[in-house]
Amino acid sequence: MKSIWKTKKKFEIHVVGQNLFIITFEDGEDLEQILEGHPWVFRKQLIIFDKLLQSVEQNKIRLVSSPFWLKLGPCPPECDKKDLMHDVGSSFGGVIRLEIKGVEATSRDEGFSSEFLGHAHRTE
């Protein structure tokens, strides 16, 4: 993973459960770079990250969503790209924010952050 993540310093991966790991970084900047560079895929599996700010019991950890970029190619002129993006994003849980040729729009759905461009977020 180090060659993929290009960390400045070392990190350790600890197995804490089935498909559950805690990764400890020597350098906080490495952690931030990895969180900003998502989504990450390993062996064709999406890796979902959460930054633990305090000690949490293993059975209380819920990794159920991950924001990611969606990019749509050219659309027919009669197609409204904003509506299409919302329809596609809704199938993944909703649109956080989208941008079409420099025109920015936030989600029409309530409860979504406008923090990431073009991301979709899965909710329960």
Protein backbone atom coordinates (compact mmCIF):
# COMPACT_ATOMS: atom_id res chain seq x y z
CA MET A 1 0.00 0.00 0.00
CA LYS A 2 2.85 2.41 0.68
CA SER A 3 3.74 2.62 -3.01
CA ILE A 4 0.11 3.36 -3.90
CA TRP A 5 -0.43 5.91 -1.11
CA LYS A 6 3.03 7.51 -1.42
CA THR A 7 3.27 8.25 2.30
CA LYS A 8 6.16 10.30 3.66
CA LYS A 9 6.49 8.17 6.78
CA LYS A 10 5.57 4.67 7.92
CA PHE A 11 2.13 3.41 8.85
CA GLU A 12 0.93 0.21 10.53
CA ILE A 13 -2.14 -1.87 9.69
CA HIS A 14 -3.75 -3.80 12.56
CA VAL A 15 -6.45 -6.42 11.95
CA VAL A 16 -9.25 -5.88 14.51
CA GLY A 17 -12.03 -7.97 12.95
CA GLN A 18 -13.30 -9.54 9.76
CA ASN A 19 -12.64 -6.98 7.02
CA LEU A 20 -11.93 -4.37 9.71
CA PHE A 21 -8.54 -2.75 10.22
CA ILE A 22 -7.05 0.13 12.15
CA ILE A 23 -4.30 1.98 10.32
CA THR A 24 -1.94 4.10 12.41
CA PHE A 25 0.10 6.77 10.63
CA GLU A 26 3.32 8.33 11.91
CA ASP A 27 2.53 11.51 9.98
CA GLY A 28 -0.90 13.16 10.21
CA GLU A 29 -0.40 14.71 6.77
CA ASP A 30 -0.19 11.21 5.28
CA LEU A 31 -3.56 10.36 6.83
CA GLU A 32 -5.16 13.54 5.47
CA GLN A 33 -3.72 12.90 1.99
CA ILE A 34 -5.20 9.39 1.95
CA LEU A 35 -8.60 10.56 3.20
CA GLU A 36 -8.68 13.27 0.51
CA GLY A 37 -7.57 10.84 -2.21
CA HIS A 38 -10.48 8.43 -1.83
CA PRO A 39 -12.10 6.31 -3.10
CA TRP A 40 -9.51 3.57 -2.67
CA VAL A 41 -9.95 0.09 -4.08
CA PHE A 42 -7.90 -2.96 -3.08
CA ARG A 43 -8.37 -6.31 -4.83
CA LYS A 44 -11.54 -4.97 -6.48
CA GLN A 45 -13.04 -4.06 -3.09
CA LEU A 46 -13.93 -0.52 -1.99
CA ILE A 47 -12.04 0.52 1.12
CA ILE A 48 -14.15 2.72 3.41
CA PHE A 49 -12.26 4.94 5.84
CA ASP A 50 -13.31 6.79 8.95
CA LYS A 51 -11.04 8.91 11.09
CA LEU A 52 -11.35 7.76 14.70
CA LEU A 53 -11.16 10.75 17.02
CA GLN A 54 -11.57 8.71 20.18
CA SER A 55 -11.48 5.10 21.31
CA VAL A 56 -14.47 3.15 19.97
CA GLU A 57 -15.61 -0.40 20.67
CA GLN A 58 -15.11 -2.60 17.61
CA ASN A 59 -18.81 -3.60 17.43
CA LYS A 60 -19.81 0.11 17.39
CA ILE A 61 -17.82 0.94 14.25
CA ARG A 62 -20.13 1.43 11.25
CA LEU A 63 -18.49 1.88 7.88
CA VAL A 64 -21.48 2.03 5.56
CA SER A 65 -20.84 4.94 3.20
CA SER A 66 -18.14 6.57 1.16
CA PRO A 67 -18.35 9.72 -0.97
CA PHE A 68 -17.01 9.33 -4.51
CA TRP A 69 -16.81 11.14 -7.84
CA LEU A 70 -19.28 10.48 -10.62
CA LYS A 71 -18.48 11.79 -14.08
CA LEU A 72 -21.00 11.65 -16.91
CA GLY A 73 -19.93 11.93 -20.51
CA PRO A 74 -21.72 13.80 -23.28
CA CYS A 75 -25.53 13.73 -23.16
CA PRO A 76 -28.10 14.29 -25.91
CA PRO A 77 -29.22 17.96 -26.15
CA GLU A 78 -32.74 17.10 -24.96
CA CYS A 79 -31.31 15.64 -21.74
CA ASP A 80 -31.09 17.92 -18.69
CA LYS A 81 -27.71 17.00 -17.20
CA LYS A 82 -28.60 18.32 -13.72
CA ASP A 83 -31.68 16.09 -13.58
CA LEU A 84 -29.67 13.15 -14.91
CA MET A 85 -26.96 13.68 -12.26
CA HIS A 86 -29.58 13.81 -9.51
CA ASP A 87 -31.26 10.66 -10.85
CA VAL A 88 -27.98 8.76 -11.03
CA GLY A 89 -26.80 10.12 -7.67
CA SER A 90 -30.11 9.21 -6.03
CA SER A 91 -29.59 5.59 -7.00
CA PHE A 92 -26.42 5.74 -4.86
CA GLY A 93 -28.05 7.55 -1.95
CA GLY A 94 -28.04 11.17 -3.10
CA VAL A 95 -25.99 13.97 -4.61
CA ILE A 96 -23.83 16.05 -2.31
CA ARG A 97 -22.79 18.62 -4.92
CA LEU A 98 -22.41 18.75 -8.68
CA GLU A 99 -20.73 20.93 -11.24
CA ILE A 100 -21.63 21.14 -14.92
CA LYS A 101 -19.22 23.08 -17.16
CA GLY A 102 -18.43 25.52 -14.36
CA VAL A 103 -22.05 25.86 -13.17
CA GLU A 104 -22.20 24.81 -9.55
CA ALA A 105 -25.33 23.43 -7.89
CA THR A 106 -25.95 21.94 -4.48
CA SER A 107 -28.24 19.03 -3.81
CA ARG A 108 -31.99 19.44 -4.00
CA ASP A 109 -32.19 16.83 -1.26
CA GLU A 110 -31.93 17.98 2.34
CA GLY A 111 -29.32 16.64 4.70
CA PHE A 112 -26.36 16.39 2.34
CA SER A 113 -23.13 18.29 2.84
CA SER A 114 -21.84 20.44 0.00
CA GLU A 115 -18.27 19.65 0.90
CA PHE A 116 -17.19 17.57 -2.11
CA LEU A 117 -17.61 18.28 -5.80
CA GLY A 118 -19.43 15.63 -7.78
CA HIS A 119 -19.61 13.09 -5.01
CA ALA A 120 -22.46 10.77 -4.18
CA HIS A 121 -23.11 9.52 -0.66
CA ARG A 122 -24.87 6.32 0.33
CA THR A 123 -27.18 6.58 3.34
CA GLU A 124 -29.25 3.98 5.15
